[in-house]
């Protein structure tokens, strides 16, 4: 299925998420940060027999990262002892590895994402574990989101300086424009209860080189998030929001004003669906204790928006909301069926 088809379907879903259609008055980026827990990456450790003491320490560090109060990595660690019967699936995964040495780590996307591609693989060493759990850019993305930014765009260079600079400048100028023009939209009749400063939104960007040795895991997470990205030698832009969720990439000529505006408007628009898995994108592996670091003001404003929504409903502002939402749900289901049909036909043709 072509990228153009995927983008068009994504645009349809974004247009359907406008405030005139849905009743949830909380912006997508706020709702995602407040309530969407980060999906768990699977880290599989292959070994044979008992680990030596030094490597056991590294293993314990990796396992502890998922519950540590400060780190709180969104990972689930699984160990596979090749000295025992590992099972067919794990045996095939081990046999698919190249230049492997025990103990060996294989990192996979959250199962809910449906992405079967391995993200990264390498020896179980302290340096590799630290690179896996976090990186300078991932820390900066989390820091900006926690400070209230609606979205942080990761700009991935292609290596072609002229193309990269042109795309970077366009993205930078458009994000500045979106930061000036877009606002959180309270329910009708409740604007007086909100300060102008609370309704402002900000977008920023971070530039990522494909040759950055500190970002090798992040690079693979982004490039493997869609099946064709790693084959495209083009600049790419990934909007990241919530607890590290990356939307679909804008690639090459797709980094243009209307696409950037659509993505930013989606993040600031009223929450199109409270069920996370029905929203586009894939979570990144970021080590942050989100629940412990989110500012209480976020929850206060979320509550304020929800209360304003209920007041508007009580005042008759959305009496036709139920009928409208039923029509939208039916329309979305139709789009989903069309989308699935395209995928099935495309896969059959690929196999043929």
Protein backbone atom coordinates (compact mmCIF):
# COMPACT_ATOMS: atom_id res chain seq x y z
CA UNK A 1 0.00 0.00 0.00
CA UNK A 2 1.45 3.37 -1.00
CA UNK A 3 2.35 6.09 1.48
CA UNK A 4 -0.06 8.43 -0.33
CA UNK A 5 -3.00 6.13 0.43
CA UNK A 6 -2.00 5.88 4.11
CA UNK A 7 -1.67 9.66 4.41
CA UNK A 8 -5.04 10.24 2.77
CA UNK A 9 -6.76 7.84 5.17
CA UNK A 10 -4.99 9.53 8.10
CA UNK A 11 -6.21 12.94 6.86
CA UNK A 12 -9.81 11.65 6.73
CA UNK A 13 -9.60 10.42 10.31
CA UNK A 14 -8.10 13.73 11.45
CA UNK A 15 -10.87 15.72 9.78
CA UNK A 16 -13.39 13.53 11.54
CA UNK A 17 -11.80 14.42 14.88
CA UNK A 18 -12.77 18.11 14.70
CA UNK A 19 -14.67 19.66 17.62
CA UNK A 20 -17.85 19.85 15.54
CA UNK A 21 -18.02 16.07 15.45
CA UNK A 22 -16.79 14.76 18.79
CA UNK A 23 -17.87 15.72 22.28
CA UNK A 24 -14.64 15.18 24.26
CA UNK A 25 -13.30 18.69 24.84
CA UNK A 26 -9.81 17.66 25.98
CA UNK A 27 -7.10 18.14 23.29
CA UNK A 28 -5.48 14.96 22.01
CA UNK A 29 -2.02 15.89 23.30
CA UNK A 30 -3.33 16.59 26.81
CA UNK A 31 -5.50 13.50 27.03
CA UNK A 32 -2.65 11.32 25.77
CA UNK A 33 -0.22 12.69 28.33
CA UNK A 34 -2.66 12.39 31.20
CA UNK A 35 -4.20 8.99 30.52
CA UNK A 36 -2.42 6.93 27.85
CA UNK A 37 0.16 4.64 29.46
CA UNK A 38 3.18 3.92 27.25
CA UNK A 39 3.07 0.52 25.52
CA UNK A 40 5.71 -2.01 26.59
CA UNK A 41 8.63 -2.96 24.35
CA UNK A 42 9.73 -6.58 24.59
CA UNK A 43 13.40 -7.19 25.35
CA UNK A 44 14.37 -10.83 24.83
CA UNK A 45 17.62 -12.08 26.37
CA UNK A 46 19.10 -15.24 24.92
CA UNK A 47 21.62 -17.08 27.12
CA UNK A 48 22.82 -20.61 27.84
CA UNK A 49 22.87 -21.70 31.45
CA UNK A 50 23.61 -19.41 34.40
CA UNK A 51 24.97 -15.96 33.62
CA UNK A 52 28.40 -14.90 34.97
CA UNK A 53 28.14 -12.46 37.94
CA UNK A 54 29.02 -9.35 35.89
CA UNK A 55 26.43 -10.07 33.23
CA UNK A 56 23.84 -10.97 35.86
CA UNK A 57 24.26 -7.45 37.27
CA UNK A 58 23.52 -6.00 33.83
CA UNK A 59 20.50 -8.28 33.51
CA UNK A 60 19.17 -7.15 36.90
CA UNK A 61 19.66 -3.51 35.89
CA UNK A 62 17.64 -4.06 32.74
CA UNK A 63 14.83 -5.86 34.55
CA UNK A 64 14.73 -3.23 37.30
CA UNK A 65 14.33 -0.39 34.82
CA UNK A 66 10.67 -1.24 34.30
CA UNK A 67 9.68 -0.58 37.91
CA UNK A 68 12.38 1.82 39.15
CA UNK A 69 10.70 4.97 40.49
CA UNK A 70 13.07 7.31 38.63
CA UNK A 71 13.67 5.39 35.39
CA UNK A 72 10.36 3.59 34.77
CA UNK A 73 11.18 2.30 31.29
CA UNK A 74 8.31 0.97 29.17
CA UNK A 75 9.89 -2.47 28.67
CA UNK A 76 9.12 -6.08 29.53
CA UNK A 77 12.14 -8.37 29.80
CA UNK A 78 11.98 -12.03 28.80
CA UNK A 79 14.86 -14.50 29.22
CA UNK A 80 15.36 -17.52 26.97
CA UNK A 81 17.76 -20.26 28.07
CA UNK A 82 18.98 -22.04 24.96
CA UNK A 83 20.24 -24.90 27.12
CA UNK A 84 16.62 -25.80 27.67
CA UNK A 85 13.79 -26.14 25.15
CA UNK A 86 13.16 -22.53 24.01
CA UNK A 87 10.08 -23.25 21.89
CA UNK A 88 9.65 -22.95 18.13
CA UNK A 89 9.11 -19.18 17.98
CA UNK A 90 12.09 -18.30 20.17
CA UNK A 91 14.30 -20.84 18.38
CA UNK A 92 13.48 -19.25 15.02
CA UNK A 93 14.13 -15.79 16.42
CA UNK A 94 17.53 -16.90 17.71
CA UNK A 95 18.43 -18.56 14.41
CA UNK A 96 17.51 -15.37 12.54
CA UNK A 97 20.19 -13.38 14.38
CA UNK A 98 23.51 -12.58 12.69
CA UNK A 99 26.93 -12.26 14.34
CA UNK A 100 25.28 -13.08 17.63
CA UNK A 101 27.12 -13.88 20.86
CA UNK A 102 25.61 -14.99 24.13
CA UNK A 103 24.11 -13.41 26.12
CA UNK A 104 22.26 -11.59 23.33
CA UNK A 105 19.49 -8.94 23.39
CA UNK A 106 16.71 -8.62 20.83
CA UNK A 107 14.33 -5.65 21.11
CA UNK A 108 10.84 -5.80 19.60
CA UNK A 109 8.01 -3.28 19.29
CA UNK A 110 5.00 -3.48 21.61
CA UNK A 111 2.77 -6.32 20.46
CA UNK A 112 -0.23 -4.01 20.24
CA UNK A 113 1.54 -2.11 17.44
CA UNK A 114 1.41 -5.12 15.14
CA UNK A 115 4.98 -4.42 13.95
CA UNK A 116 6.95 -7.67 13.74
CA UNK A 117 10.27 -6.14 12.67
CA UNK A 118 13.08 -6.32 15.25
CA UNK A 119 14.19 -2.87 16.35
CA UNK A 120 17.69 -3.62 17.50
CA UNK A 121 19.87 -6.53 18.60
CA UNK A 122 23.25 -6.78 20.30
CA UNK A 123 25.27 -8.26 23.17
CA UNK A 124 24.05 -7.87 26.74
CA UNK A 125 26.51 -5.20 27.94
CA UNK A 126 26.10 -2.27 30.27
CA UNK A 127 26.76 0.21 27.44
CA UNK A 128 24.11 -1.37 25.23
CA UNK A 129 21.56 -1.43 28.05
CA UNK A 130 22.10 2.27 28.74
CA UNK A 131 21.76 3.08 25.02
CA UNK A 132 18.58 1.05 24.87
CA UNK A 133 16.90 2.61 27.88
CA UNK A 134 17.47 6.24 26.99
CA UNK A 135 19.39 8.78 24.91
CA UNK A 136 19.96 12.55 24.87
CA UNK A 137 17.25 13.25 22.27
CA UNK A 138 14.66 11.04 23.97
CA UNK A 139 15.37 12.81 27.27
CA UNK A 140 14.96 16.20 25.61
CA UNK A 141 11.70 15.16 23.94
CA UNK A 142 10.28 14.01 27.29
CA UNK A 143 11.47 17.18 29.02
CA UNK A 144 9.73 19.45 26.51
CA UNK A 145 6.51 17.46 26.62
CA UNK A 146 6.47 17.59 30.42
CA UNK A 147 6.95 21.37 30.20
CA UNK A 148 3.69 21.58 28.26
CA UNK A 149 4.59 21.43 24.57
CA UNK A 150 1.81 19.98 22.44
CA UNK A 151 4.25 18.15 20.18
CA UNK A 152 7.98 17.78 19.67
CA UNK A 153 8.95 17.01 16.08
CA UNK A 154 12.00 14.80 15.54
CA UNK A 155 13.55 15.79 12.22
CA UNK A 156 15.60 12.92 10.79
CA UNK A 157 18.23 14.00 8.31
CA UNK A 158 18.70 12.13 5.03
CA UNK A 159 22.36 12.99 4.64
CA UNK A 160 21.71 15.26 1.65
CA UNK A 161 22.53 18.65 3.14
CA UNK A 162 20.58 20.69 0.60
CA UNK A 163 17.39 18.63 0.97
CA UNK A 164 17.76 18.48 4.75
CA UNK A 165 18.22 22.22 5.19
CA UNK A 166 15.27 23.05 2.93
CA UNK A 167 12.93 20.64 4.74
CA UNK A 168 14.22 21.72 8.14
CA UNK A 169 13.63 25.41 7.41
CA UNK A 170 10.11 24.74 6.13
CA UNK A 171 9.22 22.64 9.16
CA UNK A 172 10.72 25.17 11.56
CA UNK A 173 8.83 28.12 10.08
CA UNK A 174 5.54 26.20 9.91
CA UNK A 175 5.81 25.04 13.53
CA UNK A 176 6.39 28.65 14.60
CA UNK A 177 3.25 29.61 12.67
CA UNK A 178 1.23 26.80 14.26
CA UNK A 179 2.43 27.85 17.72
CA UNK A 180 1.12 31.35 17.03
CA UNK A 181 -2.18 30.41 15.40
CA UNK A 182 -3.47 27.26 17.12
CA UNK A 183 -5.21 27.38 20.48
CA UNK A 184 -6.96 24.94 22.78
CA UNK A 185 -10.69 25.30 22.06
CA UNK A 186 -12.94 25.14 25.15
CA UNK A 187 -16.62 24.17 24.73
CA UNK A 188 -18.91 26.92 23.49
CA UNK A 189 -19.84 29.46 26.14
CA UNK A 190 -17.02 28.55 28.54
CA UNK A 191 -14.12 30.65 27.19
CA UNK A 192 -14.42 33.12 30.08
CA UNK A 193 -13.26 30.45 32.52
CA UNK A 194 -9.88 30.02 30.86
CA UNK A 195 -6.79 32.24 30.84
CA UNK A 196 -5.34 33.04 27.43
CA UNK A 197 -1.96 31.66 28.54
CA UNK A 198 -3.55 28.29 29.35
CA UNK A 199 -5.04 28.05 25.86
CA UNK A 200 -1.77 28.60 24.00
CA UNK A 201 0.13 25.68 22.51
CA UNK A 202 3.74 25.27 21.50
CA UNK A 203 5.51 23.04 19.00
CA UNK A 204 9.25 22.57 18.62
CA UNK A 205 11.69 20.34 16.74
CA UNK A 206 14.90 18.43 17.32
CA UNK A 207 17.34 17.52 14.57
CA UNK A 208 18.62 13.93 14.42
CA UNK A 209 21.56 12.73 12.34
CA UNK A 210 21.55 9.18 11.05
CA UNK A 211 25.20 8.93 12.10
CA UNK A 212 24.68 9.95 15.75
CA UNK A 213 26.23 7.09 17.80
CA UNK A 214 24.18 8.01 20.89
CA UNK A 215 20.87 7.68 19.02
CA UNK A 216 21.26 4.33 17.21
CA UNK A 217 18.30 2.79 19.06
CA UNK A 218 16.02 5.79 18.49
CA UNK A 219 17.01 5.81 14.82
CA UNK A 220 15.99 2.17 14.43
CA UNK A 221 12.76 2.71 16.37
CA UNK A 222 11.75 5.47 13.94
CA UNK A 223 12.89 3.80 10.72
CA UNK A 224 11.23 0.47 11.52
CA UNK A 225 7.94 2.00 12.65
CA UNK A 226 6.65 1.78 9.05
CA UNK A 227 7.67 -0.93 6.63
CA UNK A 228 9.11 1.32 3.91
CA UNK A 229 10.87 4.08 5.85
CA UNK A 230 14.30 2.45 5.99
CA UNK A 231 14.29 2.18 2.17
CA UNK A 232 13.71 5.92 1.65
CA UNK A 233 16.84 8.15 1.61
CA UNK A 234 14.80 11.25 2.36
CA UNK A 235 14.47 13.67 5.29
CA UNK A 236 11.68 12.66 7.66
CA UNK A 237 9.68 14.38 10.38
CA UNK A 238 8.02 12.54 13.29
CA UNK A 239 5.64 14.48 15.57
CA UNK A 240 5.91 13.07 19.11
CA UNK A 241 3.29 13.75 21.80
CA UNK A 242 1.74 12.31 24.95
CA UNK A 243 3.98 9.80 26.70
CA UNK A 244 6.32 9.47 23.73
CA UNK A 245 3.86 8.51 20.98
CA UNK A 246 5.08 9.19 17.43
CA UNK A 247 2.58 9.85 14.65
CA UNK A 248 3.18 8.59 11.13
CA UNK A 249 6.20 10.18 9.48
CA UNK A 250 6.17 12.97 6.93
CA UNK A 251 8.77 12.04 4.31
CA UNK A 252 10.58 14.08 1.65
CA UNK A 253 8.05 16.13 -0.32
CA UNK A 254 5.46 15.13 2.29
CA UNK A 255 7.08 17.65 4.64
CA UNK A 256 4.91 20.51 3.43
CA UNK A 257 2.75 23.18 5.02
CA UNK A 258 -0.67 21.52 4.79
CA UNK A 259 0.57 18.17 6.15
CA UNK A 260 2.31 19.86 9.06
CA UNK A 261 -0.82 21.90 9.78
CA UNK A 262 -3.02 18.77 9.69
CA UNK A 263 -0.78 16.93 12.17
CA UNK A 264 -0.55 19.89 14.55
CA UNK A 265 -4.31 20.50 14.34
CA UNK A 266 -4.93 16.85 15.16
CA UNK A 267 -2.84 17.12 18.34
CA UNK A 268 -4.59 20.29 19.49
CA UNK A 269 -8.08 19.22 18.41
CA UNK A 270 -10.60 17.65 20.73
CA UNK A 271 -9.84 14.07 21.58
CA UNK A 272 -11.20 11.98 18.71
CA UNK A 273 -11.23 8.74 20.68
CA UNK A 274 -10.44 7.99 24.30
CA UNK A 275 -9.30 4.48 23.35
CA UNK A 276 -5.58 4.81 22.69
CA UNK A 277 -5.20 1.84 20.34
CA UNK A 278 -7.74 3.36 17.94
CA UNK A 279 -5.49 6.38 17.42
CA UNK A 280 -2.61 6.53 14.94
CA UNK A 281 1.05 6.18 15.87
CA UNK A 282 3.44 4.01 17.86
CA UNK A 283 4.97 4.60 21.29
CA UNK A 284 8.72 5.14 21.63
CA UNK A 285 10.84 3.51 24.30
CA UNK A 286 11.52 6.35 26.74
CA UNK A 287 12.59 6.02 30.38
CA UNK A 288 10.37 8.46 32.27
CA UNK A 289 8.20 8.14 35.35
CA UNK A 290 5.37 9.99 33.63
CA UNK A 291 2.86 9.63 36.48
CA UNK A 292 5.35 11.05 38.97
CA UNK A 293 6.49 13.97 36.79
CA UNK A 294 3.34 15.27 35.11
CA UNK A 295 2.41 18.69 36.48
CA UNK A 296 -0.82 18.76 38.50
CA UNK A 297 -1.94 21.71 36.39
CA UNK A 298 -2.43 19.32 33.47
CA UNK A 299 -4.98 17.29 35.40
CA UNK A 300 -6.60 20.49 36.68
CA UNK A 301 -7.08 21.87 33.18
CA UNK A 302 -8.29 18.50 31.91
CA UNK A 303 -10.91 18.47 34.66
CA UNK A 304 -11.83 22.07 33.87
CA UNK A 305 -12.37 21.25 30.19
CA UNK A 306 -14.46 18.19 31.01
CA UNK A 307 -16.59 20.21 33.45
CA UNK A 308 -17.08 22.91 30.81
CA UNK A 309 -18.13 20.24 28.35
CA UNK A 310 -20.73 18.83 30.77
CA UNK A 311 -22.04 22.35 31.40
CA UNK A 312 -22.37 22.95 27.65
CA UNK A 313 -24.23 19.66 27.25
CA UNK A 314 -26.56 20.54 30.10
CA UNK A 315 -27.23 23.87 28.38
CA UNK A 316 -28.26 22.18 25.16
CA UNK A 317 -25.10 22.93 23.20
CA UNK A 318 -24.70 19.31 22.07
CA UNK A 319 -28.21 17.86 22.03
CA UNK A 320 -27.57 16.42 18.60
CA UNK A 321 -24.19 15.02 19.60
CA UNK A 322 -25.31 11.41 20.01
CA UNK A 323 -26.88 11.19 16.56
CA UNK A 324 -23.87 12.92 15.03
CA UNK A 325 -21.44 10.59 16.78
CA UNK A 326 -23.34 7.50 15.62
CA UNK A 327 -23.07 8.72 12.02
CA UNK A 328 -19.37 9.38 12.44
CA UNK A 329 -18.74 5.96 13.97
CA UNK A 330 -20.49 4.30 11.03
CA UNK A 331 -18.43 6.40 8.62
CA UNK A 332 -15.18 5.50 10.38
CA UNK A 333 -16.12 1.84 10.30
CA UNK A 334 -16.67 2.13 6.56
CA UNK A 335 -13.28 3.78 6.12
CA UNK A 336 -11.68 1.05 8.24
CA UNK A 337 -13.26 -1.69 6.11
CA UNK A 338 -12.03 0.05 2.95
CA UNK A 339 -8.55 0.39 4.44
CA UNK A 340 -8.41 -3.29 5.44
CA UNK A 341 -9.59 -4.35 1.99
CA UNK A 342 -6.78 -2.36 0.38
CA UNK A 343 -4.23 -3.99 2.68
CA UNK A 344 -5.52 -7.50 1.95
CA UNK A 345 -5.46 -6.96 -1.83
CA UNK A 346 -2.00 -5.41 -1.67
CA UNK A 347 -0.59 -8.28 0.39
CA UNK A 348 -2.08 -10.87 -1.97
CA UNK A 349 -0.49 -9.13 -4.93
CA UNK A 350 2.84 -9.00 -3.10
CA UNK A 351 2.71 -12.74 -2.41
CA UNK A 352 1.73 -13.43 -6.03
